[in-house]
Amino acid sequence: TKSVWQATSSDVGVETADIMTARVGMTAGTYMEPADQIRFWETFVERIQAQPGIDSATVTISLPGTNTGDGPVSIEGRDYGDTSTRPFVQQVVSSPSFFETFRIAPLQGRLFDSRDNADSMEAVVINQRMARELFGDASPLGARLRYDLDEDGGWMTVVGVVPDVIHDNSGTAEPTMYMPIAQQDQRFMSIAVRGTGELRSLTGAIRTALAQTDPDM
């Protein structure tokens, strides 16, 4: 309840008045391969965006003003000594259209696009607070960092910086990094769509797109 109140009645850094959200998850025993999960989400977003009345659509593990996970990161070339000194940041996995849907423009560098796939270098976009706290006055573009809770994760290259968005119910924008779904498979995602007309009328568009993507889901 607190998360809903936070997202709908306070400034989370983005406009939410014309955004409708939903939630979709893959049940146990389905989409067992990471490549199949990624293909599902990419196809699903494309089909939502193709529906009448939809201006933009995205999937993400964390909607603005709700909640997301966090953990320690290491920046390549820095010696942290005791692991407890590593900085903690929030992490958000989303489709590239996340930034368009929530009208977030880059402050430095670029956003995710079709270049950021399973065969390319792992890319990460960070928010302004993370850039300031971890890199000071230096440009973070091109720096490499690793999310230490992901034992199989490799080094990710910072490709862009975006304005601060609140991703929890604290009311404060924390250091945050954004990673593309094409490089971070996920089984449960939130949907956000921006469209024309009465927001609840977009429900049918999402259901149609889901049935086109997987009629059994």
C-alpha atoms as a PDB file:
ATOM      1  CA  THR A   1       0.000   0.000   0.000  1.00  0.00           C
ATOM      2  CA  LYS A   2       2.835   2.384   0.828  1.00  0.00           C
ATOM      3  CA  SER A   3       4.472   1.683  -2.540  1.00  0.00           C
ATOM      4  CA  VAL A   4       1.263   2.428  -4.442  1.00  0.00           C
ATOM      5  CA  TRP A   5       0.761   5.646  -2.481  1.00  0.00           C
ATOM      6  CA  GLN A   6       4.365   6.672  -3.130  1.00  0.00           C
ATOM      7  CA  ALA A   7       4.093   6.032  -6.863  1.00  0.00           C
ATOM      8  CA  THR A   8       0.786   7.824  -7.324  1.00  0.00           C
ATOM      9  CA  SER A   9       0.957  10.783  -4.960  1.00  0.00           C
ATOM     10  CA  SER A  10       4.558  11.939  -4.829  1.00  0.00           C
ATOM     11  CA  ASP A  11       7.339  12.993  -7.176  1.00  0.00           C
ATOM     12  CA  VAL A  12       9.340   9.927  -8.167  1.00  0.00           C
ATOM     13  CA  GLY A  13      11.289  11.724 -10.877  1.00  0.00           C
ATOM     14  CA  VAL A  14       9.047  10.823 -13.825  1.00  0.00           C
ATOM     15  CA  GLU A  15       5.495  11.526 -14.947  1.00  0.00           C
ATOM     16  CA  THR A  16       3.164   8.651 -14.052  1.00  0.00           C
ATOM     17  CA  ALA A  17      -0.288  10.136 -14.648  1.00  0.00           C
ATOM     18  CA  ASP A  18      -0.638   8.614 -18.117  1.00  0.00           C
ATOM     19  CA  ILE A  19       1.103   5.305 -17.334  1.00  0.00           C
ATOM     20  CA  MET A  20      -0.738   2.006 -16.868  1.00  0.00           C
ATOM     21  CA  THR A  21       1.051  -0.960 -15.338  1.00  0.00           C
ATOM     22  CA  ALA A  22       0.573  -4.719 -15.160  1.00  0.00           C
ATOM     23  CA  ARG A  23       2.564  -7.783 -14.159  1.00  0.00           C
ATOM     24  CA  VAL A  24       3.482 -11.002 -15.984  1.00  0.00           C
ATOM     25  CA  GLY A  25       5.479 -13.993 -14.808  1.00  0.00           C
ATOM     26  CA  MET A  26       6.695 -17.286 -16.191  1.00  0.00           C
ATOM     27  CA  THR A  27       5.445 -20.253 -14.204  1.00  0.00           C
ATOM     28  CA  ALA A  28       7.735 -23.082 -13.157  1.00  0.00           C
ATOM     29  CA  GLY A  29       8.700 -25.440 -15.946  1.00  0.00           C
ATOM     30  CA  THR A  30       8.287 -22.901 -18.746  1.00  0.00           C
ATOM     31  CA  TYR A  31      10.931 -20.956 -20.639  1.00  0.00           C
ATOM     32  CA  MET A  32      13.781 -22.809 -19.027  1.00  0.00           C
ATOM     33  CA  GLU A  33      16.532 -21.367 -21.227  1.00  0.00           C
ATOM     34  CA  PRO A  34      17.673 -17.759 -20.696  1.00  0.00           C
ATOM     35  CA  ALA A  35      17.591 -17.133 -24.452  1.00  0.00           C
ATOM     36  CA  ASP A  36      13.932 -18.183 -24.563  1.00  0.00           C
ATOM     37  CA  GLN A  37      13.086 -15.819 -21.692  1.00  0.00           C
ATOM     38  CA  ILE A  38      14.789 -12.901 -23.409  1.00  0.00           C
ATOM     39  CA  ARG A  39      13.062 -13.680 -26.715  1.00  0.00           C
ATOM     40  CA  PHE A  40       9.679 -13.795 -24.972  1.00  0.00           C
ATOM     41  CA  TRP A  41      10.075 -10.356 -23.369  1.00  0.00           C
ATOM     42  CA  GLU A  42      11.387  -8.744 -26.530  1.00  0.00           C
ATOM     43  CA  THR A  43       8.535 -10.172 -28.612  1.00  0.00           C
ATOM     44  CA  PHE A  44       5.961  -9.244 -25.983  1.00  0.00           C
ATOM     45  CA  VAL A  45       7.083  -5.602 -25.870  1.00  0.00           C
ATOM     46  CA  GLU A  46       7.077  -5.379 -29.678  1.00  0.00           C
ATOM     47  CA  ARG A  47       3.528  -6.701 -29.833  1.00  0.00           C
ATOM     48  CA  ILE A  48       2.280  -4.353 -27.119  1.00  0.00           C
ATOM     49  CA  GLN A  49       3.758  -1.407 -28.994  1.00  0.00           C
ATOM     50  CA  ALA A  50       2.007  -2.560 -32.182  1.00  0.00           C
ATOM     51  CA  GLN A  51      -1.447  -2.366 -30.552  1.00  0.00           C
ATOM     52  CA  PRO A  52      -3.750   0.588 -31.319  1.00  0.00           C
ATOM     53  CA  GLY A  53      -3.636   3.361 -28.727  1.00  0.00           C
ATOM     54  CA  ILE A  54      -0.180   2.451 -27.377  1.00  0.00           C
ATOM     55  CA  ASP A  55       2.473   5.160 -27.624  1.00  0.00           C
ATOM     56  CA  SER A  56       5.227   3.297 -25.793  1.00  0.00           C
ATOM     57  CA  ALA A  57       5.632   0.132 -23.725  1.00  0.00           C
ATOM     58  CA  THR A  58       8.328  -1.465 -21.619  1.00  0.00           C
ATOM     59  CA  VAL A  59       9.005  -4.304 -19.190  1.00  0.00           C
ATOM     60  CA  THR A  60      11.072  -3.807 -16.050  1.00  0.00           C
ATOM     61  CA  ILE A  61      11.790  -5.496 -12.737  1.00  0.00           C
ATOM     62  CA  SER A  62      11.179  -2.187 -10.938  1.00  0.00           C
ATOM     63  CA  LEU A  63       8.569   0.452 -11.624  1.00  0.00           C
ATOM     64  CA  PRO A  64       9.397   3.960 -10.397  1.00  0.00           C
ATOM     65  CA  GLY A  65       8.223   4.472  -6.832  1.00  0.00           C
ATOM     66  CA  THR A  66       7.881   0.774  -6.012  1.00  0.00           C
ATOM     67  CA  ASN A  67      10.816  -1.406  -5.024  1.00  0.00           C
ATOM     68  CA  THR A  68      13.956  -3.012  -6.401  1.00  0.00           C
ATOM     69  CA  GLY A  69      16.957  -4.976  -5.236  1.00  0.00           C
ATOM     70  CA  ASP A  70      20.359  -3.623  -4.332  1.00  0.00           C
ATOM     71  CA  GLY A  71      23.816  -4.941  -3.709  1.00  0.00           C
ATOM     72  CA  PRO A  72      27.532  -4.192  -3.767  1.00  0.00           C
ATOM     73  CA  VAL A  73      29.429  -3.262  -6.916  1.00  0.00           C
ATOM     74  CA  SER A  74      33.120  -3.217  -7.718  1.00  0.00           C
ATOM     75  CA  ILE A  75      34.682  -0.750 -10.130  1.00  0.00           C
ATOM     76  CA  GLU A  76      37.502  -2.148 -12.214  1.00  0.00           C
ATOM     77  CA  GLY A  77      40.910  -0.983 -11.078  1.00  0.00           C
ATOM     78  CA  ARG A  78      39.897  -0.004  -7.554  1.00  0.00           C
ATOM     79  CA  ASP A  79      41.118  -1.814  -4.450  1.00  0.00           C
ATOM     80  CA  TYR A  80      38.371  -1.941  -1.837  1.00  0.00           C
ATOM     81  CA  GLY A  81      40.306  -3.912   0.768  1.00  0.00           C
ATOM     82  CA  ASP A  82      37.544  -5.131   3.034  1.00  0.00           C
ATOM     83  CA  THR A  83      34.581  -6.163   0.857  1.00  0.00           C
ATOM     84  CA  SER A  84      32.242  -4.269   3.203  1.00  0.00           C
ATOM     85  CA  THR A  85      33.586  -1.002   1.767  1.00  0.00           C
ATOM     86  CA  ARG A  86      32.164  -1.649  -1.690  1.00  0.00           C
ATOM     87  CA  PRO A  87      29.395   0.780  -2.644  1.00  0.00           C
ATOM     88  CA  PHE A  88      25.790  -0.457  -2.601  1.00  0.00           C
ATOM     89  CA  VAL A  89      23.588   0.461  -5.554  1.00  0.00           C
ATOM     90  CA  GLN A  90      20.088  -0.381  -6.731  1.00  0.00           C
ATOM     91  CA  GLN A  91      19.739  -2.432  -9.887  1.00  0.00           C
ATOM     92  CA  VAL A  92      16.960  -2.258 -12.477  1.00  0.00           C
ATOM     93  CA  VAL A  93      16.635  -4.615 -15.445  1.00  0.00           C
ATOM     94  CA  SER A  94      14.418  -3.348 -18.259  1.00  0.00           C
ATOM     95  CA  SER A  95      13.808  -3.307 -21.967  1.00  0.00           C
ATOM     96  CA  PRO A  96      15.437  -0.410 -23.871  1.00  0.00           C
ATOM     97  CA  SER A  97      12.046   1.307 -24.224  1.00  0.00           C
ATOM     98  CA  PHE A  98      11.946   1.932 -20.452  1.00  0.00           C
ATOM     99  CA  PHE A  99      13.516   5.342 -20.937  1.00  0.00           C
ATOM    100  CA  GLU A 100      11.178   6.339 -23.767  1.00  0.00           C
ATOM    101  CA  THR A 101       8.089   5.167 -21.871  1.00  0.00           C
ATOM    102  CA  PHE A 102       8.983   7.242 -18.802  1.00  0.00           C
ATOM    103  CA  ARG A 103      10.389  10.140 -20.886  1.00  0.00           C
ATOM    104  CA  ILE A 104      13.922   9.848 -19.512  1.00  0.00           C
ATOM    105  CA  ALA A 105      16.596  11.487 -21.655  1.00  0.00           C
ATOM    106  CA  PRO A 106      20.322  10.783 -21.245  1.00  0.00           C
ATOM    107  CA  LEU A 107      22.507  13.382 -19.540  1.00  0.00           C
ATOM    108  CA  GLN A 108      25.697  11.785 -20.858  1.00  0.00           C
ATOM    109  CA  GLY A 109      26.398   9.051 -23.363  1.00  0.00           C
ATOM    110  CA  ARG A 110      23.583   6.910 -24.711  1.00  0.00           C
ATOM    111  CA  LEU A 111      20.720   4.638 -23.682  1.00  0.00           C
ATOM    112  CA  PHE A 112      20.259   0.960 -24.440  1.00  0.00           C
ATOM    113  CA  ASP A 113      19.497  -0.059 -28.025  1.00  0.00           C
ATOM    114  CA  SER A 114      19.683  -3.066 -30.345  1.00  0.00           C
ATOM    115  CA  ARG A 115      23.477  -3.141 -30.012  1.00  0.00           C
ATOM    116  CA  ASP A 116      23.152  -4.317 -26.414  1.00  0.00           C
ATOM    117  CA  ASN A 117      22.398  -7.995 -26.888  1.00  0.00           C
ATOM    118  CA  ALA A 118      23.618 -11.364 -25.650  1.00  0.00           C
ATOM    119  CA  ASP A 119      26.581 -11.299 -28.049  1.00  0.00           C
ATOM    120  CA  SER A 120      27.857  -7.801 -27.245  1.00  0.00           C
ATOM    121  CA  MET A 121      29.699  -6.325 -24.304  1.00  0.00           C
ATOM    122  CA  GLU A 122      27.519  -6.015 -21.215  1.00  0.00           C
ATOM    123  CA  ALA A 123      26.211  -2.450 -20.951  1.00  0.00           C
ATOM    124  CA  VAL A 124      24.929  -0.468 -18.001  1.00  0.00           C
ATOM    125  CA  VAL A 125      23.345   2.964 -17.670  1.00  0.00           C
ATOM    126  CA  ILE A 126      23.716   4.683 -14.286  1.00  0.00           C
ATOM    127  CA  ASN A 127      21.807   7.505 -12.650  1.00  0.00           C
ATOM    128  CA  GLN A 128      23.201  10.911 -11.803  1.00  0.00           C
ATOM    129  CA  ARG A 129      23.619  10.172  -8.105  1.00  0.00           C
ATOM    130  CA  MET A 130      25.609   7.011  -8.790  1.00  0.00           C
ATOM    131  CA  ALA A 131      27.820   8.911 -11.234  1.00  0.00           C
ATOM    132  CA  ARG A 132      28.443  11.637  -8.664  1.00  0.00           C
ATOM    133  CA  GLU A 133      29.102   9.353  -5.679  1.00  0.00           C
ATOM    134  CA  LEU A 134      31.245   6.763  -7.451  1.00  0.00           C
ATOM    135  CA  PHE A 135      33.082   8.893 -10.007  1.00  0.00           C
ATOM    136  CA  GLY A 136      32.994  12.465  -8.672  1.00  0.00           C
ATOM    137  CA  ASP A 137      33.850  15.012 -11.360  1.00  0.00           C
ATOM    138  CA  ALA A 138      35.283  12.359 -13.692  1.00  0.00           C
ATOM    139  CA  SER A 139      33.224  11.000 -16.569  1.00  0.00           C
ATOM    140  CA  PRO A 140      31.936   7.481 -15.825  1.00  0.00           C
ATOM    141  CA  LEU A 141      31.545   6.652 -19.520  1.00  0.00           C
ATOM    142  CA  GLY A 142      33.614   3.641 -20.445  1.00  0.00           C
ATOM    143  CA  ALA A 143      34.235   2.616 -16.833  1.00  0.00           C
ATOM    144  CA  ARG A 144      33.627  -1.033 -16.052  1.00  0.00           C
ATOM    145  CA  LEU A 145      31.872  -2.357 -12.971  1.00  0.00           C
ATOM    146  CA  ARG A 146      30.592  -5.667 -11.675  1.00  0.00           C
ATOM    147  CA  TYR A 147      27.489  -6.476  -9.628  1.00  0.00           C
ATOM    148  CA  ASP A 148      29.038  -8.636  -6.941  1.00  0.00           C
ATOM    149  CA  LEU A 149      25.888 -10.568  -5.998  1.00  0.00           C
ATOM    150  CA  ASP A 150      25.796 -12.075  -9.502  1.00  0.00           C
ATOM    151  CA  GLU A 151      28.412 -14.809  -9.280  1.00  0.00           C
ATOM    152  CA  ASP A 152      28.217 -15.493 -13.019  1.00  0.00           C
ATOM    153  CA  GLY A 153      28.128 -11.836 -14.037  1.00  0.00           C
ATOM    154  CA  GLY A 154      30.964 -10.212 -15.905  1.00  0.00           C
ATOM    155  CA  TRP A 155      32.216  -6.672 -16.213  1.00  0.00           C
ATOM    156  CA  MET A 156      29.644  -4.161 -17.440  1.00  0.00           C
ATOM    157  CA  THR A 157      30.616  -1.000 -19.294  1.00  0.00           C
ATOM    158  CA  VAL A 158      28.943   2.307 -18.424  1.00  0.00           C
ATOM    159  CA  VAL A 159      27.456   3.692 -21.638  1.00  0.00           C
ATOM    160  CA  GLY A 160      25.220   6.470 -20.297  1.00  0.00           C
ATOM    161  CA  VAL A 161      24.015   8.587 -17.382  1.00  0.00           C
ATOM    162  CA  VAL A 162      20.349   9.460 -16.762  1.00  0.00           C
ATOM    163  CA  PRO A 163      18.504  11.705 -14.276  1.00  0.00           C
ATOM    164  CA  ASP A 164      17.647  10.342 -10.838  1.00  0.00           C
ATOM    165  CA  VAL A 165      14.439   8.306 -10.473  1.00  0.00           C
ATOM    166  CA  ILE A 166      13.128   6.942  -7.175  1.00  0.00           C
ATOM    167  CA  HIS A 167      12.879   3.144  -7.341  1.00  0.00           C
ATOM    168  CA  ASP A 168      11.721   2.355  -3.816  1.00  0.00           C
ATOM    169  CA  ASN A 169       9.268   3.743  -1.264  1.00  0.00           C
ATOM    170  CA  SER A 170      11.840   5.749   0.697  1.00  0.00           C
ATOM    171  CA  GLY A 171      11.219   8.940  -1.242  1.00  0.00           C
ATOM    172  CA  THR A 172      14.931   9.262  -2.037  1.00  0.00           C
ATOM    173  CA  ALA A 173      16.713   8.508  -5.297  1.00  0.00           C
ATOM    174  CA  GLU A 174      19.525   6.093  -4.501  1.00  0.00           C
ATOM    175  CA  PRO A 175      22.553   5.238  -6.676  1.00  0.00           C
ATOM    176  CA  THR A 176      21.008   3.110  -9.421  1.00  0.00           C
ATOM    177  CA  MET A 177      22.193   1.162 -12.437  1.00  0.00           C
ATOM    178  CA  TYR A 178      20.027   0.039 -15.355  1.00  0.00           C
ATOM    179  CA  MET A 179      20.763  -3.137 -17.302  1.00  0.00           C
ATOM    180  CA  PRO A 180      19.142  -4.335 -20.558  1.00  0.00           C
ATOM    181  CA  ILE A 181      16.847  -7.366 -20.460  1.00  0.00           C
ATOM    182  CA  ALA A 182      18.688  -8.760 -23.502  1.00  0.00           C
ATOM    183  CA  GLN A 183      21.694  -9.337 -21.239  1.00  0.00           C
ATOM    184  CA  GLN A 184      19.934 -10.141 -17.946  1.00  0.00           C
ATOM    185  CA  ASP A 185      17.271 -12.863 -18.242  1.00  0.00           C
ATOM    186  CA  GLN A 186      14.292 -12.517 -15.897  1.00  0.00           C
ATOM    187  CA  ARG A 187      11.184 -14.587 -15.183  1.00  0.00           C
ATOM    188  CA  PHE A 188       8.885 -11.963 -13.601  1.00  0.00           C
ATOM    189  CA  MET A 189       8.511  -8.448 -14.969  1.00  0.00           C
ATOM    190  CA  SER A 190       6.263  -5.426 -14.598  1.00  0.00           C
ATOM    191  CA  ILE A 191       4.763  -3.853 -17.702  1.00  0.00           C
ATOM    192  CA  ALA A 192       4.374  -0.114 -18.176  1.00  0.00           C
ATOM    193  CA  VAL A 193       2.485   1.361 -21.108  1.00  0.00           C
ATOM    194  CA  ARG A 194       1.809   4.926 -22.149  1.00  0.00           C
ATOM    195  CA  GLY A 195      -1.057   5.527 -24.505  1.00  0.00           C
ATOM    196  CA  THR A 196      -3.979   7.632 -25.566  1.00  0.00           C
ATOM    197  CA  GLY A 197      -7.462   7.726 -24.101  1.00  0.00           C
ATOM    198  CA  GLU A 198      -8.650   6.271 -20.800  1.00  0.00           C
ATOM    199  CA  LEU A 199      -5.867   4.236 -19.222  1.00  0.00           C
ATOM    200  CA  ARG A 200      -7.977   1.201 -18.333  1.00  0.00           C
ATOM    201  CA  SER A 201      -8.905   0.835 -21.985  1.00  0.00           C
ATOM    202  CA  LEU A 202      -5.302  -0.247 -22.607  1.00  0.00           C
ATOM    203  CA  THR A 203      -5.884  -3.467 -20.661  1.00  0.00           C
ATOM    204  CA  GLY A 204      -7.228  -5.154 -23.765  1.00  0.00           C
ATOM    205  CA  ALA A 205      -4.152  -4.198 -25.773  1.00  0.00           C
ATOM    206  CA  ILE A 206      -1.854  -5.813 -23.216  1.00  0.00           C
ATOM    207  CA  ARG A 207      -3.951  -8.977 -23.063  1.00  0.00           C
ATOM    208  CA  THR A 208      -4.049  -9.212 -26.849  1.00  0.00           C
ATOM    209  CA  ALA A 209      -0.285  -8.830 -27.090  1.00  0.00           C
ATOM    210  CA  LEU A 210       0.222 -11.488 -24.410  1.00  0.00           C
ATOM    211  CA  ALA A 211      -2.089 -13.942 -26.202  1.00  0.00           C
ATOM    212  CA  GLN A 212      -0.194 -13.312 -29.445  1.00  0.00           C
ATOM    213  CA  THR A 213       3.119 -13.970 -27.698  1.00  0.00           C
ATOM    214  CA  ASP A 214       2.033 -17.026 -25.699  1.00  0.00           C
ATOM    215  CA  PRO A 215      -1.653 -18.063 -25.784  1.00  0.00           C
ATOM    216  CA  ASP A 216      -1.087 -20.432 -22.837  1.00  0.00           C
ATOM    217  CA  MET A 217       0.160 -17.744 -20.452  1.00  0.00           C
END
